[in-house]
Amino acid sequence: MNLSLISKIALAATLVVSLTSAATLAGEEHSGQSTSLRTVEGTVVSVSSRPGEGNLRVVAVALDTGVTETGHLDLLLAPQRVLDEISFGLEEGDRLRVRVFVADQGPLKVHKAMNLTRGTMVRFRSLRQVPLWGNAGDWEGGDCRRQGSSHGGGHGSGHGSRAGGGGPKR
């Protein structure tokens, strides 16, 4: 082998290791929390509220996934004020498909949710689990998407108006 080929192989190996390390780090918060997500679908059994991020009361949902081993999942959505502002309605009996952050204990924080009954979808938290509402409960994320609307309802990424999670303040 000539020196040029060996240099190219070494450079390629270094690049692979760097990209793998960067991808691993991108999946971790500074605090070490994993950003592992899981998509689940089920029927809303109950809607309540409980303390959540920023000492705000957050809408909590019990979701029956139909899997008998687990019963139902406890989910944290967003403050009621946020749900009202973006017109993301839900009630017992609605079918939801949600992406949740995997957690060992406690209720699961919802990254994004689609209400299949009402045809609406919204992203509540960034991939780093940062809520898309301010400390006072003001919505800072993107619009609630609707199936069949003129702006891609239900078919888009659910990323709102900015990739960083904060659209214009309203």
N, C-alpha and C. Protein backbone atom coordinates (compact mmCIF):
# COMPACT_ATOMS: atom_id res chain seq x y z
N MET A 1 0.84 -1.18 0.00
CA MET A 1 0.00 0.00 0.00
C MET A 1 0.89 1.24 0.00
N ASN A 2 0.42 2.24 -0.70
CA ASN A 2 1.19 3.47 -0.69
C ASN A 2 0.70 4.38 0.43
N LEU A 3 1.47 5.39 0.74
CA LEU A 3 1.18 6.29 1.85
C LEU A 3 -0.14 7.04 1.63
N SER A 4 -0.46 7.38 0.39
CA SER A 4 -1.69 8.10 0.09
C SER A 4 -2.92 7.27 0.44
N LEU A 5 -2.90 5.98 0.11
CA LEU A 5 -4.03 5.10 0.42
C LEU A 5 -4.17 4.92 1.92
N ILE A 6 -3.09 4.74 2.62
CA ILE A 6 -3.13 4.59 4.08
C ILE A 6 -3.68 5.86 4.72
N SER A 7 -3.29 7.01 4.23
CA SER A 7 -3.80 8.29 4.75
C SER A 7 -5.31 8.40 4.54
N LYS A 8 -5.77 7.99 3.36
CA LYS A 8 -7.20 8.05 3.07
C LYS A 8 -7.99 7.12 3.98
N ILE A 9 -7.48 5.92 4.23
CA ILE A 9 -8.16 4.96 5.12
C ILE A 9 -8.20 5.51 6.54
N ALA A 10 -7.10 6.08 7.00
CA ALA A 10 -7.05 6.65 8.35
C ALA A 10 -8.03 7.82 8.47
N LEU A 11 -8.09 8.66 7.45
CA LEU A 11 -9.02 9.78 7.46
C LEU A 11 -10.46 9.29 7.48
N ALA A 12 -10.77 8.28 6.70
CA ALA A 12 -12.13 7.72 6.66
C ALA A 12 -12.50 7.13 8.02
N ALA A 13 -11.57 6.41 8.65
CA ALA A 13 -11.84 5.82 9.97
C ALA A 13 -12.07 6.91 11.00
N THR A 14 -11.27 7.96 10.96
CA THR A 14 -11.44 9.08 11.89
C THR A 14 -12.79 9.74 11.70
N LEU A 15 -13.20 9.92 10.45
CA LEU A 15 -14.48 10.53 10.15
C LEU A 15 -15.63 9.68 10.69
N VAL A 16 -15.57 8.37 10.49
CA VAL A 16 -16.62 7.48 10.98
C VAL A 16 -16.72 7.56 12.50
N VAL A 17 -15.59 7.52 13.19
CA VAL A 17 -15.60 7.61 14.65
C VAL A 17 -16.16 8.95 15.10
N SER A 18 -15.79 10.03 14.45
CA SER A 18 -16.28 11.37 14.80
C SER A 18 -17.78 11.47 14.61
N LEU A 19 -18.28 11.00 13.48
CA LEU A 19 -19.71 11.07 13.21
C LEU A 19 -20.50 10.22 14.19
N THR A 20 -20.00 9.04 14.52
CA THR A 20 -20.68 8.17 15.48
C THR A 20 -20.73 8.83 16.85
N SER A 21 -19.62 9.42 17.28
CA SER A 21 -19.58 10.11 18.57
C SER A 21 -20.53 11.29 18.59
N ALA A 22 -20.56 12.07 17.50
CA ALA A 22 -21.44 13.23 17.43
C ALA A 22 -22.90 12.81 17.48
N ALA A 23 -23.25 11.73 16.80
CA ALA A 23 -24.63 11.25 16.81
C ALA A 23 -25.02 10.79 18.21
N THR A 24 -24.10 10.14 18.91
CA THR A 24 -24.38 9.70 20.27
C THR A 24 -24.58 10.90 21.18
N LEU A 25 -23.72 11.89 21.08
CA LEU A 25 -23.84 13.07 21.91
C LEU A 25 -25.09 13.86 21.60
N ALA A 26 -25.51 13.89 20.34
CA ALA A 26 -26.71 14.63 19.96
C ALA A 26 -27.94 14.02 20.60
N GLY A 27 -27.90 12.75 20.94
CA GLY A 27 -29.04 12.09 21.56
C GLY A 27 -29.08 12.24 23.06
N GLU A 28 -28.16 12.97 23.65
CA GLU A 28 -28.09 13.14 25.09
C GLU A 28 -28.17 14.61 25.45
N GLU A 29 -28.89 14.91 26.51
CA GLU A 29 -28.89 16.27 27.04
C GLU A 29 -27.64 16.46 27.87
N HIS A 30 -27.35 17.68 28.22
CA HIS A 30 -26.21 17.94 29.07
C HIS A 30 -26.36 17.24 30.41
N SER A 31 -27.58 17.07 30.87
CA SER A 31 -27.82 16.41 32.15
C SER A 31 -27.74 14.90 32.03
N GLY A 32 -27.58 14.40 30.81
CA GLY A 32 -27.48 12.96 30.61
C GLY A 32 -28.81 12.30 30.31
N GLN A 33 -29.92 13.06 30.24
CA GLN A 33 -31.20 12.46 29.93
C GLN A 33 -31.21 11.99 28.49
N SER A 34 -31.72 10.80 28.29
CA SER A 34 -31.81 10.26 26.94
C SER A 34 -32.98 10.91 26.22
N THR A 35 -32.83 11.06 24.92
CA THR A 35 -33.93 11.59 24.13
C THR A 35 -34.62 10.46 23.37
N SER A 36 -34.57 9.26 23.93
CA SER A 36 -35.25 8.13 23.30
C SER A 36 -36.74 8.40 23.25
N LEU A 37 -37.32 8.19 22.09
CA LEU A 37 -38.74 8.41 21.89
C LEU A 37 -39.44 7.11 21.53
N ARG A 38 -40.70 7.04 21.89
CA ARG A 38 -41.53 5.89 21.54
C ARG A 38 -42.88 6.42 21.09
N THR A 39 -43.41 5.84 20.04
CA THR A 39 -44.74 6.24 19.56
C THR A 39 -45.76 5.22 20.05
N VAL A 40 -46.82 5.73 20.66
CA VAL A 40 -47.90 4.87 21.15
C VAL A 40 -49.23 5.46 20.69
N GLU A 41 -50.22 4.59 20.62
CA GLU A 41 -51.55 5.01 20.22
C GLU A 41 -52.55 4.38 21.16
N GLY A 42 -53.59 5.14 21.48
CA GLY A 42 -54.60 4.59 22.37
C GLY A 42 -55.77 5.54 22.54
N THR A 43 -56.63 5.18 23.50
CA THR A 43 -57.84 5.94 23.78
C THR A 43 -57.69 6.67 25.11
N VAL A 44 -58.10 7.93 25.13
CA VAL A 44 -58.04 8.73 26.35
C VAL A 44 -59.06 8.17 27.34
N VAL A 45 -58.57 7.78 28.53
CA VAL A 45 -59.42 7.25 29.59
C VAL A 45 -59.82 8.36 30.55
N SER A 46 -58.88 9.26 30.84
CA SER A 46 -59.18 10.39 31.72
C SER A 46 -58.27 11.55 31.40
N VAL A 47 -58.78 12.76 31.74
CA VAL A 47 -58.03 14.00 31.56
C VAL A 47 -58.04 14.72 32.90
N SER A 48 -56.87 15.11 33.37
CA SER A 48 -56.75 15.81 34.65
C SER A 48 -55.63 16.83 34.52
N SER A 49 -55.19 17.37 35.65
CA SER A 49 -54.01 18.24 35.62
C SER A 49 -53.17 17.94 36.84
N ARG A 50 -51.87 18.18 36.69
CA ARG A 50 -50.93 17.94 37.78
C ARG A 50 -49.76 18.89 37.62
N PRO A 51 -48.96 19.04 38.67
CA PRO A 51 -47.79 19.93 38.55
C PRO A 51 -46.85 19.43 37.45
N GLY A 52 -46.34 20.37 36.67
CA GLY A 52 -45.43 20.01 35.58
C GLY A 52 -44.25 20.96 35.56
N GLU A 53 -43.66 21.13 34.39
CA GLU A 53 -42.49 21.99 34.24
C GLU A 53 -42.81 23.43 34.63
N GLY A 54 -41.81 24.09 35.24
CA GLY A 54 -41.95 25.50 35.58
C GLY A 54 -42.99 25.79 36.64
N ASN A 55 -43.31 24.82 37.48
CA ASN A 55 -44.32 24.98 38.53
C ASN A 55 -45.70 25.35 37.98
N LEU A 56 -45.97 24.96 36.74
CA LEU A 56 -47.27 25.19 36.14
C LEU A 56 -48.07 23.89 36.19
N ARG A 57 -49.38 24.02 36.27
CA ARG A 57 -50.24 22.84 36.18
C ARG A 57 -50.30 22.44 34.71
N VAL A 58 -50.10 21.16 34.46
CA VAL A 58 -50.05 20.64 33.10
C VAL A 58 -51.16 19.60 32.94
N VAL A 59 -51.79 19.59 31.77
CA VAL A 59 -52.84 18.61 31.49
C VAL A 59 -52.21 17.22 31.43
N ALA A 60 -52.78 16.31 32.20
CA ALA A 60 -52.33 14.93 32.25
C ALA A 60 -53.42 14.04 31.66
N VAL A 61 -53.00 13.03 30.91
CA VAL A 61 -53.93 12.12 30.24
C VAL A 61 -53.57 10.70 30.59
N ALA A 62 -54.57 9.90 30.89
CA ALA A 62 -54.39 8.44 31.02
C ALA A 62 -54.81 7.86 29.68
N LEU A 63 -53.88 7.15 29.03
CA LEU A 63 -54.11 6.61 27.69
C LEU A 63 -54.15 5.09 27.75
N ASP A 64 -55.27 4.51 27.34
CA ASP A 64 -55.41 3.05 27.27
C ASP A 64 -54.85 2.61 25.92
N THR A 65 -53.73 1.89 25.96
CA THR A 65 -53.08 1.45 24.73
C THR A 65 -53.59 0.09 24.25
N GLY A 66 -54.42 -0.56 25.06
CA GLY A 66 -54.93 -1.86 24.68
C GLY A 66 -53.97 -3.00 24.96
N VAL A 67 -52.82 -2.68 25.53
CA VAL A 67 -51.85 -3.71 25.89
C VAL A 67 -52.11 -4.08 27.34
N THR A 68 -52.57 -5.29 27.56
CA THR A 68 -53.01 -5.67 28.89
C THR A 68 -51.90 -5.69 29.93
N GLU A 69 -50.66 -5.94 29.52
CA GLU A 69 -49.56 -5.98 30.49
C GLU A 69 -49.32 -4.63 31.14
N THR A 70 -49.52 -3.55 30.40
CA THR A 70 -49.19 -2.23 30.93
C THR A 70 -50.40 -1.44 31.40
N GLY A 71 -51.61 -1.88 31.09
CA GLY A 71 -52.78 -1.11 31.47
C GLY A 71 -52.85 0.18 30.69
N HIS A 72 -52.65 1.31 31.38
CA HIS A 72 -52.68 2.60 30.67
C HIS A 72 -51.39 3.37 30.97
N LEU A 73 -51.13 4.34 30.10
CA LEU A 73 -49.95 5.20 30.26
C LEU A 73 -50.39 6.56 30.78
N ASP A 74 -49.61 7.11 31.72
CA ASP A 74 -49.85 8.46 32.21
C ASP A 74 -48.98 9.41 31.42
N LEU A 75 -49.60 10.41 30.78
CA LEU A 75 -48.90 11.34 29.90
C LEU A 75 -49.05 12.77 30.38
N LEU A 76 -48.00 13.58 30.19
CA LEU A 76 -48.06 15.02 30.46
C LEU A 76 -48.03 15.75 29.13
N LEU A 77 -49.06 16.58 28.90
CA LEU A 77 -49.12 17.35 27.65
C LEU A 77 -48.56 18.75 27.85
N ALA A 78 -49.41 19.71 28.19
CA ALA A 78 -49.03 21.12 28.31
C ALA A 78 -50.05 21.79 29.23
N PRO A 79 -49.79 23.03 29.65
CA PRO A 79 -50.79 23.74 30.44
C PRO A 79 -52.10 23.90 29.67
N GLN A 80 -53.23 23.90 30.39
CA GLN A 80 -54.54 24.04 29.75
C GLN A 80 -54.60 25.32 28.92
N ARG A 81 -53.98 26.38 29.41
CA ARG A 81 -53.95 27.66 28.69
C ARG A 81 -53.34 27.48 27.30
N VAL A 82 -52.29 26.66 27.19
CA VAL A 82 -51.65 26.40 25.91
C VAL A 82 -52.60 25.63 25.00
N LEU A 83 -53.22 24.58 25.52
CA LEU A 83 -54.15 23.78 24.71
C LEU A 83 -55.29 24.65 24.18
N ASP A 84 -55.79 25.56 25.03
CA ASP A 84 -56.87 26.46 24.59
C ASP A 84 -56.38 27.42 23.51
N GLU A 85 -55.18 27.98 23.70
CA GLU A 85 -54.64 28.97 22.76
C GLU A 85 -54.41 28.38 21.38
N ILE A 86 -53.96 27.14 21.31
CA ILE A 86 -53.67 26.53 20.01
C ILE A 86 -54.82 25.66 19.50
N SER A 87 -55.91 25.64 20.24
CA SER A 87 -57.11 24.87 19.86
C SER A 87 -56.83 23.38 19.72
N PHE A 88 -56.06 22.84 20.65
CA PHE A 88 -55.83 21.40 20.68
C PHE A 88 -56.75 20.82 21.75
N GLY A 89 -57.92 20.40 21.31
CA GLY A 89 -58.90 19.87 22.24
C GLY A 89 -58.76 18.36 22.39
N LEU A 90 -59.13 17.87 23.57
CA LEU A 90 -59.21 16.43 23.77
C LEU A 90 -60.14 16.16 24.93
N GLU A 91 -60.74 14.97 24.87
CA GLU A 91 -61.63 14.54 25.95
C GLU A 91 -61.63 13.03 25.99
N GLU A 92 -62.22 12.50 27.04
CA GLU A 92 -62.29 11.06 27.19
C GLU A 92 -62.91 10.44 25.94
N GLY A 93 -62.32 9.34 25.49
CA GLY A 93 -62.81 8.64 24.31
C GLY A 93 -62.07 9.00 23.02
N ASP A 94 -61.35 10.13 23.02
CA ASP A 94 -60.58 10.51 21.84
C ASP A 94 -59.43 9.52 21.62
N ARG A 95 -59.10 9.27 20.35
CA ARG A 95 -57.94 8.44 20.00
C ARG A 95 -56.74 9.33 19.80
N LEU A 96 -55.63 9.02 20.48
CA LEU A 96 -54.40 9.79 20.35
C LEU A 96 -53.27 8.91 19.85
N ARG A 97 -52.40 9.50 19.03
CA ARG A 97 -51.10 8.91 18.70
C ARG A 97 -50.08 9.90 19.21
N VAL A 98 -49.21 9.45 20.13
CA VAL A 98 -48.26 10.36 20.75
C VAL A 98 -46.85 9.83 20.65
N ARG A 99 -45.90 10.76 20.55
CA ARG A 99 -44.47 10.43 20.68
C ARG A 99 -44.08 10.89 22.07
N VAL A 100 -43.61 9.96 22.88
CA VAL A 100 -43.27 10.27 24.27
C VAL A 100 -41.80 10.00 24.52
N PHE A 101 -41.26 10.73 25.49
CA PHE A 101 -39.90 10.48 25.93
C PHE A 101 -39.93 9.29 26.88
N VAL A 102 -39.10 8.31 26.62
CA VAL A 102 -39.05 7.12 27.44
C VAL A 102 -38.52 7.51 28.81
N ALA A 103 -39.20 7.05 29.87
CA ALA A 103 -38.80 7.37 31.23
C ALA A 103 -38.93 6.12 32.10
N ASP A 104 -38.07 6.03 33.11
CA ASP A 104 -38.11 4.90 34.02
C ASP A 104 -39.26 5.00 35.01
N GLN A 105 -39.65 6.21 35.35
CA GLN A 105 -40.70 6.40 36.34
C GLN A 105 -41.47 7.67 36.07
N GLY A 106 -42.64 7.76 36.69
CA GLY A 106 -43.47 8.95 36.55
C GLY A 106 -44.18 9.02 35.22
N PRO A 107 -45.00 10.07 35.05
CA PRO A 107 -45.71 10.23 33.79
C PRO A 107 -44.74 10.52 32.65
N LEU A 108 -45.13 10.15 31.45
CA LEU A 108 -44.29 10.35 30.26
C LEU A 108 -44.58 11.72 29.67
N LYS A 109 -43.53 12.48 29.40
CA LYS A 109 -43.68 13.78 28.76
C LYS A 109 -43.89 13.57 27.27
N VAL A 110 -44.89 14.25 26.73
CA VAL A 110 -45.24 14.11 25.32
C VAL A 110 -44.41 15.07 24.48
N HIS A 111 -43.72 14.51 23.49
CA HIS A 111 -42.99 15.33 22.52
C HIS A 111 -43.98 15.94 21.55
N LYS A 112 -44.79 15.10 20.90
CA LYS A 112 -45.85 15.61 20.04
C LYS A 112 -47.02 14.65 20.07
N ALA A 113 -48.19 15.20 19.77
CA ALA A 113 -49.42 14.42 19.85
C ALA A 113 -50.30 14.69 18.65
N MET A 114 -50.97 13.64 18.21
CA MET A 114 -51.97 13.78 17.16
C MET A 114 -53.28 13.23 17.70
N ASN A 115 -54.30 14.08 17.71
CA ASN A 115 -55.62 13.64 18.11
C ASN A 115 -56.29 13.10 16.85
N LEU A 116 -56.33 11.78 16.74
CA LEU A 116 -56.88 11.13 15.54
C LEU A 116 -58.37 11.38 15.41
N THR A 117 -59.06 11.56 16.53
CA THR A 117 -60.50 11.81 16.51
C THR A 117 -60.81 13.18 15.91
N ARG A 118 -60.01 14.17 16.25
CA ARG A 118 -60.26 15.55 15.82
C ARG A 118 -59.39 16.00 14.66
N GLY A 119 -58.39 15.18 14.30
CA GLY A 119 -57.53 15.51 13.17
C GLY A 119 -56.58 16.67 13.42
N THR A 120 -56.09 16.80 14.67
CA THR A 120 -55.14 17.87 15.00
C THR A 120 -53.84 17.28 15.51
N MET A 121 -52.74 18.02 15.25
CA MET A 121 -51.43 17.57 15.70
C MET A 121 -50.62 18.77 16.15
N VAL A 122 -49.83 18.58 17.23
CA VAL A 122 -48.98 19.65 17.73
C VAL A 122 -47.75 19.06 18.42
N ARG A 123 -46.66 19.82 18.38
CA ARG A 123 -45.44 19.44 19.09
C ARG A 123 -45.39 20.26 20.36
N PHE A 124 -45.24 19.61 21.52
CA PHE A 124 -45.24 20.27 22.82
C PHE A 124 -43.85 20.54 23.38
N ARG A 125 -42.88 19.70 23.01
CA ARG A 125 -41.52 19.83 23.56
C ARG A 125 -40.50 19.60 22.46
N SER A 126 -39.33 20.21 22.66
CA SER A 126 -38.23 19.98 21.72
C SER A 126 -37.66 18.58 21.95
N LEU A 127 -36.75 18.16 21.10
CA LEU A 127 -36.11 16.86 21.27
C LEU A 127 -35.24 16.81 22.52
N ARG A 128 -34.95 17.94 23.10
CA ARG A 128 -34.19 18.01 24.35
C ARG A 128 -35.14 18.11 25.55
N GLN A 129 -36.42 17.84 25.33
CA GLN A 129 -37.46 17.82 26.34
C GLN A 129 -37.78 19.20 26.91
N VAL A 130 -37.41 20.24 26.17
CA VAL A 130 -37.70 21.61 26.61
C VAL A 130 -39.13 21.96 26.18
N PRO A 131 -39.98 22.39 27.14
CA PRO A 131 -41.36 22.76 26.79
C PRO A 131 -41.38 23.94 25.83
N LEU A 132 -42.36 23.94 24.94
CA LEU A 132 -42.49 25.02 23.96
C LEU A 132 -43.46 26.09 24.46
N TRP A 133 -43.48 26.28 25.78
CA TRP A 133 -44.23 27.38 26.38
C TRP A 133 -43.31 28.05 27.40
N GLY A 134 -43.57 29.33 27.64
CA GLY A 134 -42.74 30.10 28.55
C GLY A 134 -43.08 29.82 30.01
N ASN A 135 -42.32 30.46 30.90
CA ASN A 135 -42.51 30.26 32.34
C ASN A 135 -43.89 30.67 32.83
N ALA A 136 -44.51 31.60 32.14
CA ALA A 136 -45.86 32.04 32.53
C ALA A 136 -46.95 31.21 31.83
N GLY A 137 -46.55 30.23 31.04
CA GLY A 137 -47.52 29.40 30.34
C GLY A 137 -47.91 29.93 28.98
N ASP A 138 -47.17 30.92 28.47
CA ASP A 138 -47.46 31.46 27.14
C ASP A 138 -46.89 30.55 26.06
N TRP A 139 -47.68 30.27 25.05
CA TRP A 139 -47.26 29.37 23.97
C TRP A 139 -46.20 30.04 23.11
N GLU A 140 -45.11 29.33 22.86
CA GLU A 140 -44.01 29.83 22.04
C GLU A 140 -43.71 28.90 20.88
N GLY A 141 -44.49 27.85 20.73
CA GLY A 141 -44.27 26.87 19.66
C GLY A 141 -45.04 27.22 18.41
N GLY A 142 -45.11 26.25 17.51
CA GLY A 142 -45.80 26.44 16.24
C GLY A 142 -47.29 26.22 16.35
N ASP A 143 -47.95 26.41 15.25
CA ASP A 143 -49.40 26.25 15.19
C ASP A 143 -49.79 24.79 15.33
N CYS A 144 -51.01 24.59 15.79
CA CYS A 144 -51.61 23.26 15.81
C CYS A 144 -52.00 22.95 14.37
N ARG A 145 -51.55 21.82 13.86
CA ARG A 145 -51.86 21.45 12.47
C ARG A 145 -53.14 20.65 12.41
N ARG A 146 -53.88 20.85 11.36
CA ARG A 146 -55.15 20.16 11.17
C ARG A 146 -55.12 19.38 9.87
N GLN A 147 -55.65 18.16 9.92
CA GLN A 147 -55.74 17.37 8.70
C GLN A 147 -56.68 18.07 7.73
N GLY A 148 -56.24 18.13 6.47
CA GLY A 148 -57.08 18.71 5.44
C GLY A 148 -57.00 20.22 5.35
N SER A 149 -56.15 20.86 6.19
CA SER A 149 -56.03 22.31 6.11
C SER A 149 -55.10 22.70 4.97
N SER A 150 -55.08 23.96 4.64
CA SER A 150 -54.28 24.42 3.50
C SER A 150 -52.78 24.46 3.79
N HIS A 151 -52.37 24.32 5.07
CA HIS A 151 -50.94 24.35 5.36
C HIS A 151 -50.43 23.00 5.83
N GLY A 152 -50.80 21.96 5.08
CA GLY A 152 -50.20 20.64 5.28
C GLY A 152 -50.72 19.89 6.46
N GLY A 153 -51.91 20.19 6.93
CA GLY A 153 -52.44 19.62 8.16
C GLY A 153 -52.22 18.13 8.30
N GLY A 154 -51.58 17.77 9.39
CA GLY A 154 -51.42 16.38 9.73
C GLY A 154 -50.32 15.65 8.98
N HIS A 155 -49.77 16.24 7.94
CA HIS A 155 -48.78 15.52 7.15
C HIS A 155 -47.38 16.06 7.33
N GLY A 156 -47.22 17.19 8.01
CA GLY A 156 -45.91 17.80 8.17
C GLY A 156 -45.14 17.19 9.31
N SER A 157 -44.03 17.81 9.64
CA SER A 157 -43.15 17.28 10.67
C SER A 157 -43.62 17.63 12.06
N GLY A 158 -44.55 18.58 12.21
CA GLY A 158 -44.98 19.00 13.52
C GLY A 158 -43.96 19.88 14.21
N HIS A 159 -43.03 20.44 13.45
CA HIS A 159 -41.96 21.23 14.05
C HIS A 159 -42.32 22.69 14.24
N GLY A 160 -43.52 23.11 13.90
CA GLY A 160 -43.89 24.48 14.13
C GLY A 160 -43.15 25.43 13.21
N SER A 161 -42.95 26.66 13.69
CA SER A 161 -42.40 27.67 12.81
C SER A 161 -40.89 27.76 12.83
N ARG A 162 -40.22 27.18 13.83
CA ARG A 162 -38.76 27.22 13.88
C ARG A 162 -38.23 25.91 14.43
N ALA A 163 -37.13 25.45 13.89
CA ALA A 163 -36.56 24.18 14.33
C ALA A 163 -36.17 24.21 15.79
N GLY A 164 -35.80 25.35 16.33
CA GLY A 164 -35.39 25.45 17.72
C GLY A 164 -36.55 25.41 18.68
N GLY A 165 -37.76 25.43 18.18
CA GLY A 165 -38.92 25.27 19.03
C GLY A 165 -39.60 26.56 19.44
N GLY A 166 -39.06 27.70 19.19
CA GLY A 166 -39.71 28.92 19.63
C GLY A 166 -40.13 29.75 18.46
N GLY A 167 -41.40 29.75 18.15
CA GLY A 167 -41.90 30.60 17.10
C GLY A 167 -42.09 32.01 17.64
N PRO A 168 -42.74 32.84 16.90
CA PRO A 168 -42.96 34.20 17.39
C PRO A 168 -43.84 34.18 18.63
N LYS A 169 -43.53 35.03 19.57
CA LYS A 169 -44.35 35.11 20.79
C LYS A 169 -45.64 35.81 20.45
N ARG A 170 -46.69 35.32 21.07
CA ARG A 170 -48.02 35.90 20.80
C ARG A 170 -48.54 36.57 22.03
